[in-house]
Amino acid sequence: MAKSRRILRWALALLTAALCLTLCRQAVSLYIAGNRPENFSAPGVRIDPVFSRELAARALLPAAYVFWEFLVVLIAALAAGAQKEVEKPASLRFPGDRLRRLRADVSPLPPSALREESRRRKTTALLVCDFFLCALPPALYLLDAGHFTSWDLESVMGEMLLHVAPFAALFLALLYLAFFLTDKSAEQEIAYLKAAPRNPAQPAGKKPGIPRAAIVRTVLYVCAAVFVVLGVLNGGLNDVLVKAINICTECIGLG
């Protein structure tokens, strides 16, 4: 069963990437076709629109096959994940939770486990540095007002995407790699801790207290639910709806 879940995870990841790449390719193709020189009249007005319902429908056809495959694998992965939750308690599903429980039973921590912890900290530090490096070029482009002087919004948005999207995609890839390496390191440390002698002062298998991260998540969820309810009661929901309608019908011009 574990091997099947692993295969489903990899298949879901590959299909997600394929679906995103297909949609991006079709969107770029539509943009390039709509901005070709032959599509402009003498005054500089487009003969055919860049995006329309018919053009979008034709462009989505190649992605439909990938989407249905993605949907089937997603349902299978969710079913496998639900089965895993039944087989394993919720507190043991994530490597971080298992690490906290094992560390409470092991003292002193073996040097191999400390090296893995240091490796994860270095990976996190490198990820933070990568974030700033990937955010710097887009920030410099966005802060330059000279890039946004044209009234041709489609060309402005296209140029902005060319300067921002590659760095965003690079950071997401690095983020996935960092999570992958961190999970592998955590699993390796778990193996080291299982082989280490137990702390005689604390019986093996004794449950530690509630993790601080779980407490913080619970508090944030409760606060979010309370503020949502307060916003509905004081009329904020209606204000947001009216503003959304005004933006769509007046600013963007969908009406």
C-alpha atoms as a PDB file:
ATOM      1  CA  MET A   1       0.000   0.000   0.000  1.00  0.00           C
ATOM      2  CA  ALA A   2       2.854   2.391   0.807  1.00  0.00           C
ATOM      3  CA  LYS A   3       4.372   1.779  -2.644  1.00  0.00           C
ATOM      4  CA  SER A   4       1.019   2.494  -4.297  1.00  0.00           C
ATOM      5  CA  ARG A   5       0.715   5.781  -2.409  1.00  0.00           C
ATOM      6  CA  ARG A   6       4.226   6.748  -3.459  1.00  0.00           C
ATOM      7  CA  ILE A   7       3.412   6.017  -7.109  1.00  0.00           C
ATOM      8  CA  LEU A   8       0.191   8.038  -6.843  1.00  0.00           C
ATOM      9  CA  ARG A   9       2.064  10.998  -5.337  1.00  0.00           C
ATOM     10  CA  TRP A  10       4.606  11.039  -8.148  1.00  0.00           C
ATOM     11  CA  ALA A  11       1.897  10.623 -10.792  1.00  0.00           C
ATOM     12  CA  LEU A  12      -0.130  13.455  -9.252  1.00  0.00           C
ATOM     13  CA  ALA A  13       2.932  15.715  -9.149  1.00  0.00           C
ATOM     14  CA  LEU A  14       3.801  15.002 -12.778  1.00  0.00           C
ATOM     15  CA  LEU A  15       0.221  15.505 -13.975  1.00  0.00           C
ATOM     16  CA  THR A  16      -0.048  18.754 -12.008  1.00  0.00           C
ATOM     17  CA  ALA A  17       3.108  20.052 -13.667  1.00  0.00           C
ATOM     18  CA  ALA A  18       1.877  18.871 -17.086  1.00  0.00           C
ATOM     19  CA  LEU A  19      -1.488  20.577 -16.603  1.00  0.00           C
ATOM     20  CA  CYS A  20       0.122  23.848 -15.521  1.00  0.00           C
ATOM     21  CA  LEU A  21       2.571  23.793 -18.428  1.00  0.00           C
ATOM     22  CA  THR A  22      -0.210  23.018 -20.914  1.00  0.00           C
ATOM     23  CA  LEU A  23      -2.400  25.860 -19.663  1.00  0.00           C
ATOM     24  CA  CYS A  24       0.527  28.300 -19.645  1.00  0.00           C
ATOM     25  CA  ARG A  25       1.526  27.264 -23.163  1.00  0.00           C
ATOM     26  CA  GLN A  26      -2.004  27.776 -24.492  1.00  0.00           C
ATOM     27  CA  ALA A  27      -2.332  31.162 -22.769  1.00  0.00           C
ATOM     28  CA  VAL A  28       0.985  32.346 -24.221  1.00  0.00           C
ATOM     29  CA  SER A  29      -0.016  31.050 -27.658  1.00  0.00           C
ATOM     30  CA  LEU A  30      -3.262  33.024 -27.509  1.00  0.00           C
ATOM     31  CA  TYR A  31      -1.406  36.144 -26.438  1.00  0.00           C
ATOM     32  CA  ILE A  32       1.199  35.842 -29.206  1.00  0.00           C
ATOM     33  CA  ALA A  33      -1.455  35.152 -31.841  1.00  0.00           C
ATOM     34  CA  GLY A  34      -3.558  38.106 -30.738  1.00  0.00           C
ATOM     35  CA  ASN A  35      -0.586  40.499 -30.802  1.00  0.00           C
ATOM     36  CA  ARG A  36       0.887  39.498 -34.160  1.00  0.00           C
ATOM     37  CA  PRO A  37       1.353  42.443 -36.559  1.00  0.00           C
ATOM     38  CA  GLU A  38      -1.231  41.067 -39.008  1.00  0.00           C
ATOM     39  CA  ASN A  39      -3.925  41.411 -36.335  1.00  0.00           C
ATOM     40  CA  PHE A  40      -3.571  45.216 -36.152  1.00  0.00           C
ATOM     41  CA  SER A  41      -5.324  47.651 -38.467  1.00  0.00           C
ATOM     42  CA  ALA A  42      -3.749  50.890 -39.701  1.00  0.00           C
ATOM     43  CA  PRO A  43      -4.779  52.961 -36.612  1.00  0.00           C
ATOM     44  CA  GLY A  44      -3.295  50.286 -34.360  1.00  0.00           C
ATOM     45  CA  VAL A  45      -6.577  48.692 -33.359  1.00  0.00           C
ATOM     46  CA  ARG A  46      -6.797  44.901 -33.098  1.00  0.00           C
ATOM     47  CA  ILE A  47      -8.871  43.223 -35.781  1.00  0.00           C
ATOM     48  CA  ASP A  48      -9.613  40.120 -33.693  1.00  0.00           C
ATOM     49  CA  PRO A  49      -9.609  40.085 -29.878  1.00  0.00           C
ATOM     50  CA  VAL A  50      -6.746  38.453 -28.059  1.00  0.00           C
ATOM     51  CA  PHE A  51      -9.062  36.478 -25.798  1.00  0.00           C
ATOM     52  CA  SER A  52     -12.619  35.405 -26.525  1.00  0.00           C
ATOM     53  CA  ARG A  53     -14.873  32.577 -25.425  1.00  0.00           C
ATOM     54  CA  GLU A  54     -14.369  30.693 -28.680  1.00  0.00           C
ATOM     55  CA  LEU A  55     -10.593  31.101 -28.686  1.00  0.00           C
ATOM     56  CA  ALA A  56     -10.350  30.057 -25.039  1.00  0.00           C
ATOM     57  CA  ALA A  57     -12.526  26.992 -25.664  1.00  0.00           C
ATOM     58  CA  ARG A  58     -10.330  25.846 -28.550  1.00  0.00           C
ATOM     59  CA  ALA A  59      -7.194  26.458 -26.518  1.00  0.00           C
ATOM     60  CA  LEU A  60      -8.505  24.418 -23.572  1.00  0.00           C
ATOM     61  CA  LEU A  61      -9.144  21.288 -25.654  1.00  0.00           C
ATOM     62  CA  PRO A  62      -5.501  20.021 -25.476  1.00  0.00           C
ATOM     63  CA  ALA A  63      -5.564  20.523 -21.699  1.00  0.00           C
ATOM     64  CA  ALA A  64      -8.828  18.611 -21.261  1.00  0.00           C
ATOM     65  CA  TYR A  65      -7.174  15.195 -21.623  1.00  0.00           C
ATOM     66  CA  VAL A  66      -4.512  16.064 -19.049  1.00  0.00           C
ATOM     67  CA  PHE A  67      -7.179  17.507 -16.743  1.00  0.00           C
ATOM     68  CA  TRP A  68      -9.279  14.309 -16.716  1.00  0.00           C
ATOM     69  CA  GLU A  69      -6.194  12.193 -16.055  1.00  0.00           C
ATOM     70  CA  PHE A  70      -5.240  14.596 -13.256  1.00  0.00           C
ATOM     71  CA  LEU A  71      -8.744  14.359 -11.780  1.00  0.00           C
ATOM     72  CA  VAL A  72      -8.735  10.543 -11.777  1.00  0.00           C
ATOM     73  CA  VAL A  73      -5.303  10.366 -10.107  1.00  0.00           C
ATOM     74  CA  LEU A  74      -6.329  13.069  -7.608  1.00  0.00           C
ATOM     75  CA  ILE A  75      -9.396  11.080  -6.526  1.00  0.00           C
ATOM     76  CA  ALA A  76      -7.267   7.933  -6.200  1.00  0.00           C
ATOM     77  CA  ALA A  77      -4.656   9.830  -4.158  1.00  0.00           C
ATOM     78  CA  LEU A  78      -7.339  11.269  -1.847  1.00  0.00           C
ATOM     79  CA  ALA A  79      -8.792   7.794  -1.326  1.00  0.00           C
ATOM     80  CA  ALA A  80      -5.331   6.417  -0.551  1.00  0.00           C
ATOM     81  CA  GLY A  81      -4.682   9.287   1.848  1.00  0.00           C
ATOM     82  CA  ALA A  82      -7.954   8.645   3.669  1.00  0.00           C
ATOM     83  CA  GLN A  83      -6.968   4.988   4.050  1.00  0.00           C
ATOM     84  CA  LYS A  84      -3.595   6.057   5.439  1.00  0.00           C
ATOM     85  CA  GLU A  85      -5.276   8.272   8.049  1.00  0.00           C
ATOM     86  CA  VAL A  86      -7.257   5.243   9.218  1.00  0.00           C
ATOM     87  CA  GLU A  87      -4.134   3.095   9.411  1.00  0.00           C
ATOM     88  CA  LYS A  88      -1.919   5.668  11.179  1.00  0.00           C
ATOM     89  CA  PRO A  89      -2.911   8.127  13.932  1.00  0.00           C
ATOM     90  CA  ALA A  90      -3.052  11.777  12.883  1.00  0.00           C
ATOM     91  CA  SER A  91      -0.286  12.722  15.305  1.00  0.00           C
ATOM     92  CA  LEU A  92       2.161  10.395  13.499  1.00  0.00           C
ATOM     93  CA  ARG A  93       1.475  11.312   9.874  1.00  0.00           C
ATOM     94  CA  PHE A  94       4.115  14.029   9.595  1.00  0.00           C
ATOM     95  CA  PRO A  95       7.868  13.587  10.182  1.00  0.00           C
ATOM     96  CA  GLY A  96       7.998  16.651  12.437  1.00  0.00           C
ATOM     97  CA  ASP A  97       5.426  15.195  14.838  1.00  0.00           C
ATOM     98  CA  ARG A  98       7.267  11.869  14.971  1.00  0.00           C
ATOM     99  CA  LEU A  99      10.559  13.674  15.576  1.00  0.00           C
ATOM    100  CA  ARG A 100       9.164  15.568  18.556  1.00  0.00           C
ATOM    101  CA  ARG A 101       7.839  12.349  20.062  1.00  0.00           C
ATOM    102  CA  LEU A 102      11.099  10.446  19.569  1.00  0.00           C
ATOM    103  CA  ARG A 103      13.250  13.287  20.891  1.00  0.00           C
ATOM    104  CA  ALA A 104      11.268  13.241  24.114  1.00  0.00           C
ATOM    105  CA  ASP A 105      12.270   9.581  24.564  1.00  0.00           C
ATOM    106  CA  VAL A 106      15.967   9.883  23.631  1.00  0.00           C
ATOM    107  CA  SER A 107      18.628  11.600  25.726  1.00  0.00           C
ATOM    108  CA  PRO A 108      21.240  12.610  24.847  1.00  0.00           C
ATOM    109  CA  LEU A 109      20.556  13.008  21.138  1.00  0.00           C
ATOM    110  CA  PRO A 110      23.052  11.087  18.984  1.00  0.00           C
ATOM    111  CA  PRO A 111      25.514  13.150  16.880  1.00  0.00           C
ATOM    112  CA  SER A 112      24.038  11.756  13.664  1.00  0.00           C
ATOM    113  CA  ALA A 113      20.609  13.148  14.602  1.00  0.00           C
ATOM    114  CA  LEU A 114      22.136  16.528  15.448  1.00  0.00           C
ATOM    115  CA  ARG A 115      23.854  16.597  12.039  1.00  0.00           C
ATOM    116  CA  GLU A 116      20.525  15.998  10.298  1.00  0.00           C
ATOM    117  CA  GLU A 117      18.933  18.806  12.291  1.00  0.00           C
ATOM    118  CA  SER A 118      21.794  21.126  11.324  1.00  0.00           C
ATOM    119  CA  ARG A 119      21.386  20.100   7.682  1.00  0.00           C
ATOM    120  CA  ARG A 120      17.697  21.049   7.770  1.00  0.00           C
ATOM    121  CA  ARG A 121      18.485  24.426   9.275  1.00  0.00           C
ATOM    122  CA  LYS A 122      20.999  25.101   6.519  1.00  0.00           C
ATOM    123  CA  THR A 123      18.430  24.092   3.912  1.00  0.00           C
ATOM    124  CA  THR A 124      15.926  26.534   5.420  1.00  0.00           C
ATOM    125  CA  ALA A 125      18.521  29.318   5.450  1.00  0.00           C
ATOM    126  CA  LEU A 126      19.379  28.650   1.803  1.00  0.00           C
ATOM    127  CA  LEU A 127      15.690  28.742   0.921  1.00  0.00           C
ATOM    128  CA  VAL A 128      15.327  32.158   2.568  1.00  0.00           C
ATOM    129  CA  CYS A 129      18.326  33.438   0.599  1.00  0.00           C
ATOM    130  CA  ASP A 130      16.873  31.987  -2.611  1.00  0.00           C
ATOM    131  CA  PHE A 131      13.601  33.784  -1.907  1.00  0.00           C
ATOM    132  CA  PHE A 132      15.300  37.180  -1.722  1.00  0.00           C
ATOM    133  CA  LEU A 133      17.419  36.436  -4.799  1.00  0.00           C
ATOM    134  CA  CYS A 134      14.337  35.398  -6.780  1.00  0.00           C
ATOM    135  CA  ALA A 135      12.295  38.348  -5.513  1.00  0.00           C
ATOM    136  CA  LEU A 136      14.917  41.021  -6.273  1.00  0.00           C
ATOM    137  CA  PRO A 137      14.687  41.124 -10.125  1.00  0.00           C
ATOM    138  CA  PRO A 138      10.852  41.193 -10.177  1.00  0.00           C
ATOM    139  CA  ALA A 139      10.821  43.837  -7.447  1.00  0.00           C
ATOM    140  CA  LEU A 140      13.228  46.056  -9.400  1.00  0.00           C
ATOM    141  CA  TYR A 141      11.066  45.675 -12.506  1.00  0.00           C
ATOM    142  CA  LEU A 142       7.808  46.396 -10.669  1.00  0.00           C
ATOM    143  CA  LEU A 143       9.223  49.433  -8.878  1.00  0.00           C
ATOM    144  CA  ASP A 144      10.305  51.045 -12.166  1.00  0.00           C
ATOM    145  CA  ALA A 145       7.348  53.220 -13.169  1.00  0.00           C
ATOM    146  CA  GLY A 146       8.702  53.509 -16.714  1.00  0.00           C
ATOM    147  CA  HIS A 147       7.533  49.971 -17.443  1.00  0.00           C
ATOM    148  CA  PHE A 148       3.884  50.936 -16.862  1.00  0.00           C
ATOM    149  CA  THR A 149       3.445  54.113 -18.893  1.00  0.00           C
ATOM    150  CA  SER A 150       1.736  52.524 -21.907  1.00  0.00           C
ATOM    151  CA  TRP A 151      -2.053  52.341 -22.146  1.00  0.00           C
ATOM    152  CA  ASP A 152      -1.769  49.016 -23.952  1.00  0.00           C
ATOM    153  CA  LEU A 153      -2.470  46.930 -20.865  1.00  0.00           C
ATOM    154  CA  GLU A 154      -2.077  43.590 -22.595  1.00  0.00           C
ATOM    155  CA  SER A 155       1.462  44.338 -23.744  1.00  0.00           C
ATOM    156  CA  VAL A 156       2.303  45.787 -20.321  1.00  0.00           C
ATOM    157  CA  MET A 157       0.970  42.681 -18.565  1.00  0.00           C
ATOM    158  CA  GLY A 158       2.769  40.428 -21.040  1.00  0.00           C
ATOM    159  CA  GLU A 159       6.104  42.129 -20.414  1.00  0.00           C
ATOM    160  CA  MET A 160       5.498  42.003 -16.676  1.00  0.00           C
ATOM    161  CA  LEU A 161       4.809  38.267 -16.787  1.00  0.00           C
ATOM    162  CA  LEU A 162       7.990  37.668 -18.777  1.00  0.00           C
ATOM    163  CA  HIS A 163      10.006  39.419 -16.056  1.00  0.00           C
ATOM    164  CA  VAL A 164       8.151  38.023 -13.025  1.00  0.00           C
ATOM    165  CA  ALA A 165       6.810  34.551 -13.855  1.00  0.00           C
ATOM    166  CA  PRO A 166      10.207  32.810 -14.453  1.00  0.00           C
ATOM    167  CA  PHE A 167      11.519  33.887 -11.054  1.00  0.00           C
ATOM    168  CA  ALA A 168       8.265  32.836  -9.350  1.00  0.00           C
ATOM    169  CA  ALA A 169       8.449  29.432 -11.052  1.00  0.00           C
ATOM    170  CA  LEU A 170      12.109  29.068 -10.044  1.00  0.00           C
ATOM    171  CA  PHE A 171      11.332  29.821  -6.404  1.00  0.00           C
ATOM    172  CA  LEU A 172       8.431  27.347  -6.370  1.00  0.00           C
ATOM    173  CA  ALA A 173      10.742  24.666  -7.766  1.00  0.00           C
ATOM    174  CA  LEU A 174      13.354  25.465  -5.109  1.00  0.00           C
ATOM    175  CA  LEU A 175      10.640  25.437  -2.437  1.00  0.00           C
ATOM    176  CA  TYR A 176       9.525  21.961  -3.512  1.00  0.00           C
ATOM    177  CA  LEU A 177      13.137  20.764  -3.522  1.00  0.00           C
ATOM    178  CA  ALA A 178      13.693  22.187  -0.028  1.00  0.00           C
ATOM    179  CA  PHE A 179      10.592  20.432   1.324  1.00  0.00           C
ATOM    180  CA  PHE A 180      11.690  17.186  -0.317  1.00  0.00           C
ATOM    181  CA  LEU A 181      15.187  17.372   1.181  1.00  0.00           C
ATOM    182  CA  THR A 182      13.821  18.389   4.587  1.00  0.00           C
ATOM    183  CA  ASP A 183      11.428  15.443   4.702  1.00  0.00           C
ATOM    184  CA  LYS A 184      14.199  13.061   3.666  1.00  0.00           C
ATOM    185  CA  SER A 185      16.457  14.462   6.395  1.00  0.00           C
ATOM    186  CA  ALA A 186      13.670  14.146   8.979  1.00  0.00           C
ATOM    187  CA  GLU A 187      13.063  10.526   8.007  1.00  0.00           C
ATOM    188  CA  GLN A 188      16.796   9.831   8.327  1.00  0.00           C
ATOM    189  CA  GLU A 189      16.896  11.436  11.772  1.00  0.00           C
ATOM    190  CA  ILE A 190      13.893   9.352  12.817  1.00  0.00           C
ATOM    191  CA  ALA A 191      15.838   6.238  11.858  1.00  0.00           C
ATOM    192  CA  TYR A 192      18.809   7.419  13.956  1.00  0.00           C
ATOM    193  CA  LEU A 193      16.588   8.169  16.951  1.00  0.00           C
ATOM    194  CA  LYS A 194      14.884   4.786  16.768  1.00  0.00           C
ATOM    195  CA  ALA A 195      18.297   3.104  16.952  1.00  0.00           C
ATOM    196  CA  ALA A 196      19.452   5.293  19.890  1.00  0.00           C
ATOM    197  CA  PRO A 197      19.042   4.216  23.546  1.00  0.00           C
ATOM    198  CA  ARG A 198      15.914   5.444  25.288  1.00  0.00           C
ATOM    199  CA  ASN A 199      15.898   8.004  28.070  1.00  0.00           C
ATOM    200  CA  PRO A 200      15.620   6.061  31.342  1.00  0.00           C
ATOM    201  CA  ALA A 201      14.021   9.035  33.066  1.00  0.00           C
ATOM    202  CA  GLN A 202      11.019   8.854  30.734  1.00  0.00           C
ATOM    203  CA  PRO A 203       9.312   5.627  29.659  1.00  0.00           C
ATOM    204  CA  ALA A 204       9.399   4.875  25.955  1.00  0.00           C
ATOM    205  CA  GLY A 205       6.273   5.804  24.095  1.00  0.00           C
ATOM    206  CA  LYS A 206       5.145   8.496  26.540  1.00  0.00           C
ATOM    207  CA  LYS A 207       3.195  11.115  24.669  1.00  0.00           C
ATOM    208  CA  PRO A 208       4.649  14.640  24.797  1.00  0.00           C
ATOM    209  CA  GLY A 209       2.504  17.723  25.187  1.00  0.00           C
ATOM    210  CA  ILE A 210       0.517  19.337  22.401  1.00  0.00           C
ATOM    211  CA  PRO A 211       2.905  20.789  19.778  1.00  0.00           C
ATOM    212  CA  ARG A 212       3.107  24.579  19.773  1.00  0.00           C
ATOM    213  CA  ALA A 213       2.472  24.664  16.032  1.00  0.00           C
ATOM    214  CA  ALA A 214      -0.856  22.885  16.535  1.00  0.00           C
ATOM    215  CA  ILE A 215      -1.840  25.393  19.230  1.00  0.00           C
ATOM    216  CA  VAL A 216      -0.945  28.339  16.964  1.00  0.00           C
ATOM    217  CA  ARG A 217      -2.881  26.846  14.035  1.00  0.00           C
ATOM    218  CA  THR A 218      -5.936  26.270  16.220  1.00  0.00           C
ATOM    219  CA  VAL A 219      -5.863  29.826  17.566  1.00  0.00           C
ATOM    220  CA  LEU A 220      -5.521  31.271  14.053  1.00  0.00           C
ATOM    221  CA  TYR A 221      -8.410  29.146  12.744  1.00  0.00           C
ATOM    222  CA  VAL A 222     -10.638  30.251  15.620  1.00  0.00           C
ATOM    223  CA  CYS A 223      -9.721  33.919  15.118  1.00  0.00           C
ATOM    224  CA  ALA A 224     -10.370  33.651  11.377  1.00  0.00           C
ATOM    225  CA  ALA A 225     -13.791  32.067  11.954  1.00  0.00           C
ATOM    226  CA  VAL A 226     -14.698  34.735  14.517  1.00  0.00           C
ATOM    227  CA  PHE A 227     -13.709  37.604  12.198  1.00  0.00           C
ATOM    228  CA  VAL A 228     -15.623  36.056   9.287  1.00  0.00           C
ATOM    229  CA  VAL A 229     -18.762  35.838  11.426  1.00  0.00           C
ATOM    230  CA  LEU A 230     -18.284  39.421  12.650  1.00  0.00           C
ATOM    231  CA  GLY A 231     -17.833  40.627   9.077  1.00  0.00           C
ATOM    232  CA  VAL A 232     -21.090  38.972   8.034  1.00  0.00           C
ATOM    233  CA  LEU A 233     -22.984  40.409  11.016  1.00  0.00           C
ATOM    234  CA  ASN A 234     -21.781  44.018  10.574  1.00  0.00           C
ATOM    235  CA  GLY A 235     -22.582  44.149   6.850  1.00  0.00           C
ATOM    236  CA  GLY A 236     -19.010  43.780   5.613  1.00  0.00           C
ATOM    237  CA  LEU A 237     -19.978  40.872   3.348  1.00  0.00           C
ATOM    238  CA  ASN A 238     -22.442  43.061   1.444  1.00  0.00           C
ATOM    239  CA  ASP A 239     -19.819  45.833   1.105  1.00  0.00           C
ATOM    240  CA  VAL A 240     -17.305  43.410  -0.393  1.00  0.00           C
ATOM    241  CA  LEU A 241     -19.937  42.100  -2.822  1.00  0.00           C
ATOM    242  CA  VAL A 242     -20.866  45.618  -3.972  1.00  0.00           C
ATOM    243  CA  LYS A 243     -17.202  46.556  -4.472  1.00  0.00           C
ATOM    244  CA  ALA A 244     -16.557  43.377  -6.449  1.00  0.00           C
ATOM    245  CA  ILE A 245     -19.537  44.116  -8.700  1.00  0.00           C
ATOM    246  CA  ASN A 246     -18.391  47.700  -9.245  1.00  0.00           C
ATOM    247  CA  ILE A 247     -14.848  46.592 -10.119  1.00  0.00           C
ATOM    248  CA  CYS A 248     -16.056  43.996 -12.621  1.00  0.00           C
ATOM    249  CA  THR A 249     -18.640  46.223 -14.311  1.00  0.00           C
ATOM    250  CA  GLU A 250     -16.949  49.641 -14.160  1.00  0.00           C
ATOM    251  CA  CYS A 251     -13.167  49.228 -13.859  1.00  0.00           C
ATOM    252  CA  ILE A 252     -12.420  46.055 -15.776  1.00  0.00           C
ATOM    253  CA  GLY A 253     -15.405  46.525 -18.066  1.00  0.00           C
ATOM    254  CA  LEU A 254     -16.917  43.060 -17.957  1.00  0.00           C
ATOM    255  CA  GLY A 255     -20.381  44.613 -17.834  1.00  0.00           C
END
